[in-house]
Protein backbone atom coordinates (compact mmCIF):
# COMPACT_ATOMS: atom_id res chain seq x y z
CA MET A 1 -6.95 7.60 -22.51
CA SER A 2 -7.71 6.11 -25.93
CA TRP A 3 -8.38 2.43 -26.50
CA GLY A 4 -5.03 2.08 -28.27
CA SER A 5 -3.18 3.61 -25.31
CA PHE A 6 -4.99 1.32 -22.90
CA VAL A 7 -4.08 -1.78 -24.92
CA ARG A 8 -0.46 -0.63 -25.18
CA SER A 9 -0.26 0.02 -21.43
CA ALA A 10 -1.78 -3.39 -20.67
CA ASP A 11 0.71 -5.05 -23.00
CA GLU A 12 3.61 -3.26 -21.30
CA MET A 13 2.33 -4.29 -17.88
CA LEU A 14 2.03 -7.95 -18.89
CA THR A 15 5.51 -7.89 -20.43
CA LEU A 16 6.92 -6.36 -17.26
CA ILE A 17 5.15 -8.93 -15.05
CA LEU A 18 6.47 -11.80 -17.19
CA ALA A 19 10.02 -10.44 -17.02
CA LEU A 20 9.77 -10.02 -13.24
CA VAL A 21 8.42 -13.54 -12.72
CA THR A 22 11.24 -14.94 -14.84
CA GLY A 23 13.82 -12.97 -12.87
CA ALA A 24 12.32 -13.99 -9.52
CA LEU A 25 12.23 -17.70 -10.42
CA GLY A 26 15.82 -17.48 -11.63
CA GLY A 27 16.95 -15.79 -8.41
CA ARG A 28 18.43 -12.87 -10.34
CA PHE A 29 17.17 -10.00 -8.20
CA ASP A 30 19.93 -7.97 -6.56
CA ALA A 31 19.93 -8.80 -2.83
CA ARG A 32 21.70 -5.63 -1.70
CA GLU A 33 19.28 -3.39 -3.59
CA THR A 34 16.35 -5.35 -2.15
CA TRP A 35 17.52 -4.76 1.44
CA GLN A 36 18.11 -1.08 0.71
CA GLN A 37 14.61 -0.72 -0.74
CA LEU A 38 13.09 -2.50 2.27
CA TYR A 39 14.61 0.20 4.44
CA LEU A 40 13.69 3.11 2.15
CA VAL A 41 10.07 2.17 1.47
CA GLY A 42 9.30 0.54 4.81
CA VAL A 43 11.32 1.80 7.74
CA ARG A 44 11.31 5.42 6.57
CA SER A 45 7.53 5.26 6.08
CA LEU A 46 6.94 3.99 9.61
CA PRO A 47 6.61 7.34 11.45
CA ILE A 48 4.00 8.78 9.10
CA VAL A 49 2.08 5.49 9.12
CA ILE A 50 1.95 5.46 12.93
CA VAL A 51 0.79 9.08 13.16
CA THR A 52 -1.79 8.62 10.42
CA ALA A 53 -3.13 5.41 11.96
CA ILE A 54 -3.54 6.94 15.43
CA PHE A 55 -5.50 9.91 14.12
CA ALA A 56 -7.54 7.74 11.74
CA GLY A 57 -8.48 5.48 14.63
CA GLY A 58 -9.44 8.45 16.78
CA ILE A 59 -11.53 10.01 14.01
CA SER A 60 -13.36 6.72 13.43
CA ALA A 61 -14.11 6.45 17.14
CA ILE A 62 -15.51 9.99 17.13
CA GLN A 63 -17.81 9.11 14.24
CA VAL A 64 -19.02 5.94 15.99
CA SER A 65 -19.41 7.40 19.48
CA ALA A 66 -22.74 9.12 18.83
CA HIS A 67 -24.35 5.89 17.63
CA VAL A 68 -22.83 3.93 20.51
CA VAL A 69 -24.43 6.27 23.03
CA ARG A 70 -27.73 6.30 21.15
CA PHE A 71 -28.13 2.50 21.05
CA GLN A 72 -26.19 1.77 24.26
CA ALA A 73 -24.00 -0.66 22.29
CA TYR A 74 -20.88 -0.27 24.36
CA ASP A 75 -19.94 -3.94 24.17
CA ALA A 76 -19.97 -3.84 20.34
CA VAL A 77 -17.51 -0.98 19.95
CA GLY A 78 -14.42 -3.18 19.78
CA TRP A 79 -15.98 -5.56 17.28
CA GLY A 80 -17.25 -2.87 14.91
CA PHE A 81 -14.09 -0.84 15.11
CA GLY A 82 -11.76 -3.84 14.64
CA PHE A 83 -13.82 -5.17 11.74
CA VAL A 84 -13.60 -1.87 9.88
CA VAL A 85 -9.91 -1.28 10.65
CA PHE A 86 -8.71 -4.77 9.71
CA ARG A 87 -10.73 -5.14 6.53
CA GLU A 88 -10.93 -1.64 5.05
CA LEU A 89 -9.59 1.35 6.93
CA GLY A 90 -6.09 0.02 7.55
CA PRO A 91 -5.13 -1.32 4.11
CA LEU A 92 -7.00 1.33 2.11
CA LEU A 93 -5.77 4.38 4.01
CA ILE A 94 -2.17 3.18 4.28
CA GLY A 95 -2.25 2.04 0.65
CA LEU A 96 -3.23 5.48 -0.61
CA MET A 97 -0.62 7.14 1.60
CA PHE A 98 1.99 4.60 0.49
CA SER A 99 1.13 5.35 -3.13
CA GLY A 100 1.56 9.09 -2.62
CA ARG A 101 4.85 8.78 -0.78
CA VAL A 102 6.63 5.70 -2.13
CA GLY A 103 4.99 5.20 -5.52
CA ALA A 104 5.49 8.81 -6.58
CA PHE A 105 9.12 8.83 -5.44
CA ASN A 106 9.79 5.53 -7.23
CA ALA A 107 8.31 6.77 -10.51
CA ALA A 108 10.30 9.99 -10.27
CA GLU A 109 13.56 8.20 -9.49
CA LEU A 110 13.25 5.67 -12.33
CA GLY A 111 12.05 8.40 -14.69
CA THR A 112 15.09 10.51 -13.87
CA MET A 113 17.33 7.51 -14.49
CA LYS A 114 15.65 7.01 -17.87
CA VAL A 115 16.01 10.69 -18.87
CA THR A 116 19.66 10.87 -17.81
CA GLU A 117 20.41 7.58 -19.63
CA GLN A 118 21.49 5.74 -16.48
CA LEU A 119 19.35 2.77 -17.48
CA ASP A 120 21.14 2.60 -20.83
CA ALA A 121 24.47 2.69 -18.96
CA LEU A 122 23.38 -0.34 -16.92
CA ARG A 123 22.53 -2.23 -20.09
CA VAL A 124 25.95 -1.38 -21.55
CA LEU A 125 27.48 -2.95 -18.43
CA ALA A 126 25.34 -6.08 -19.06
CA ILE A 127 23.16 -5.35 -16.02
CA ASN A 128 19.43 -5.92 -16.51
CA PRO A 129 17.58 -2.91 -15.00
CA LEU A 130 14.56 -5.11 -14.29
CA ASN A 131 16.56 -7.46 -12.09
CA TYR A 132 18.75 -4.76 -10.55
CA LEU A 133 16.21 -1.96 -9.98
CA VAL A 134 12.61 -2.92 -10.66
CA GLY A 135 12.35 -6.40 -9.12
CA PRO A 136 13.81 -5.43 -5.72
CA ARG A 137 11.54 -2.39 -5.53
CA ILE A 138 8.37 -4.36 -6.17
CA VAL A 139 9.37 -7.09 -3.70
CA ALA A 140 10.13 -4.44 -1.07
CA MET A 141 6.79 -2.69 -1.64
CA VAL A 142 4.79 -5.92 -1.29
CA VAL A 143 6.61 -6.98 1.89
CA MET A 144 6.69 -3.59 3.57
CA MET A 145 3.14 -2.62 2.60
CA THR A 146 1.91 -5.76 4.38
CA ALA A 147 4.11 -5.04 7.41
CA LEU A 148 3.05 -1.38 7.56
CA VAL A 149 -0.62 -2.35 7.50
CA MET A 150 -0.08 -4.68 10.45
CA VAL A 151 1.67 -1.91 12.40
CA GLY A 152 -0.96 0.63 11.33
CA ASN A 153 -3.77 -1.66 12.52
CA VAL A 154 -2.25 -1.81 15.99
CA PHE A 155 -1.89 1.95 16.34
CA ALA A 156 -5.32 2.62 14.82
CA LEU A 157 -6.86 0.34 17.44
CA LEU A 158 -4.94 2.11 20.19
CA GLY A 159 -6.12 5.49 18.92
CA GLY A 160 -9.70 4.28 18.73
CA MET A 161 -9.57 2.63 22.15
CA LEU A 162 -8.27 5.76 23.86
CA THR A 163 -10.73 8.03 22.04
CA ALA A 164 -13.66 5.73 22.89
CA GLN A 165 -12.68 5.82 26.56
CA VAL A 166 -12.44 9.61 26.61
CA LEU A 167 -15.60 10.37 24.61
CA VAL A 168 -18.10 7.68 25.62
CA ASP A 169 -16.38 6.16 28.67
CA VAL A 170 -15.89 2.72 27.09
CA ASP A 171 -13.57 0.76 29.33
CA PRO A 172 -10.48 -0.44 27.39
CA MET A 173 -11.02 -3.95 28.72
CA VAL A 174 -14.58 -3.99 27.34
CA PHE A 175 -13.22 -2.73 24.03
CA TRP A 176 -10.55 -5.44 23.98
CA ILE A 177 -12.90 -8.29 24.94
CA SER A 178 -15.36 -7.26 22.23
CA LEU A 179 -12.52 -7.12 19.72
CA THR A 180 -11.07 -10.53 20.54
CA ASP A 181 -14.42 -12.29 20.90
CA TYR A 182 -16.04 -11.19 17.65
CA VAL A 183 -13.32 -10.19 15.19
CA ARG A 184 -12.23 -13.32 13.30
CA PRO A 185 -8.76 -14.20 11.96
CA VAL A 186 -10.23 -14.11 8.45
CA ASP A 187 -10.92 -10.40 8.92
CA LEU A 188 -7.23 -9.76 9.53
CA PHE A 189 -6.28 -12.09 6.67
CA ASN A 190 -8.63 -10.20 4.33
CA GLY A 191 -6.86 -6.93 5.06
CA LEU A 192 -3.37 -8.41 4.71
CA VAL A 193 -4.23 -9.90 1.32
CA LYS A 194 -5.38 -6.47 0.23
CA ALA A 195 -2.18 -4.92 1.58
CA GLY A 196 0.03 -7.29 -0.42
CA LEU A 197 -1.96 -6.71 -3.60
CA PHE A 198 -1.91 -2.94 -3.07
CA GLY A 199 1.88 -3.05 -2.65
CA PHE A 200 2.24 -5.05 -5.87
CA VAL A 201 -0.03 -2.67 -7.78
CA ILE A 202 1.80 0.42 -6.51
CA GLY A 203 5.19 -1.08 -7.32
CA LEU A 204 4.21 -2.32 -10.77
CA VAL A 205 2.44 0.87 -11.82
CA SER A 206 5.10 3.25 -10.52
CA CYS A 207 7.92 1.23 -12.12
CA ARG A 208 6.10 1.01 -15.43
CA HIS A 209 5.46 4.76 -15.61
CA GLY A 210 9.00 5.52 -14.50
CA LEU A 211 10.51 3.31 -17.19
CA ALA A 212 8.23 4.77 -19.86
CA VAL A 213 9.25 8.42 -19.30
CA ASP A 214 10.07 10.52 -22.33
CA GLY A 215 10.30 14.24 -22.97
CA GLY A 216 12.86 15.21 -20.33
CA ALA A 217 11.97 16.77 -16.98
CA PRO A 218 8.32 17.51 -17.92
CA GLY A 219 7.95 13.84 -18.78
CA VAL A 220 9.07 12.89 -15.27
CA GLY A 221 6.37 15.11 -13.80
CA ARG A 222 3.72 13.56 -16.03
CA ALA A 223 4.88 10.06 -15.12
CA VAL A 224 4.62 10.80 -11.38
CA ASN A 225 1.11 12.18 -11.78
CA GLN A 226 -0.02 9.23 -13.90
CA ALA A 227 1.54 6.74 -11.51
CA VAL A 228 -0.26 8.15 -8.47
CA VAL A 229 -3.62 8.29 -10.24
CA ALA A 230 -3.28 4.81 -11.75
CA SER A 231 -2.15 3.35 -8.41
CA ALA A 232 -5.16 4.82 -6.61
CA LEU A 233 -7.48 3.42 -9.28
CA GLY A 234 -5.82 0.01 -9.02
CA ILE A 235 -6.12 0.06 -5.23
CA PHE A 236 -9.87 0.66 -5.36
CA CYS A 237 -10.38 -1.96 -8.08
CA PHE A 238 -8.49 -4.66 -6.16
CA ASP A 239 -10.23 -3.61 -2.93
CA TYR A 240 -13.57 -4.26 -4.60
CA LEU A 241 -12.46 -7.61 -6.05
CA VAL A 242 -11.00 -8.94 -2.80
CA THR A 243 -14.05 -7.78 -0.82
CA ALA A 244 -16.33 -9.52 -3.31
CA ILE A 245 -14.32 -12.77 -3.42
CA LEU A 246 -13.11 -13.35 0.13
CA PRO A 247 -15.64 -13.99 2.94
């Protein structure tokens, strides 16, 4: 990407953010579309989030089990596992999956609307596409990304707890006591802040690339690819910033 393209993309992002803030403060977002998007991006993502979280928790427990046996640190399993899941594994893994599933679909859908001139039709009817389509989608992604991370954390811990019991015979009660005694509320808060920011980044980037589609069907494909890559980059950048800023 050239410097001119980067500046133009940044300008478009800032313009979009300003328009969304104005619409949100004015209460102009479509309520029905917001509820529909909450269902589409959140409820329909729940099964894959649960399955992914369980296996991710089990895999993490497998990786940790050898060191637990080596150092006889059975009472630290819950703390170490919960710390990693709440702060990093949960929001990062679910964020990347959310980007691939929801962000890509959102960019494709808006891009198709742009190519088929449905967005122009809304403007002719005096309906602002930002308030009717974009705003509700971003709100839904922020809310449901945070909720999905909370659900994913629970199932990741269950997967890790069961795997730790099977592999290294860590009693679930020992796991739970270690988790509740040493994992702090700020660790959970850290992960939820990341989840909300990741949802905002995914929503903003996918909507921007969808609205900027040109060149027909090939342009939609390019927009989807760019949206997924840019969302992943944004997720890692914000992950670094939040980790560096929050305790």
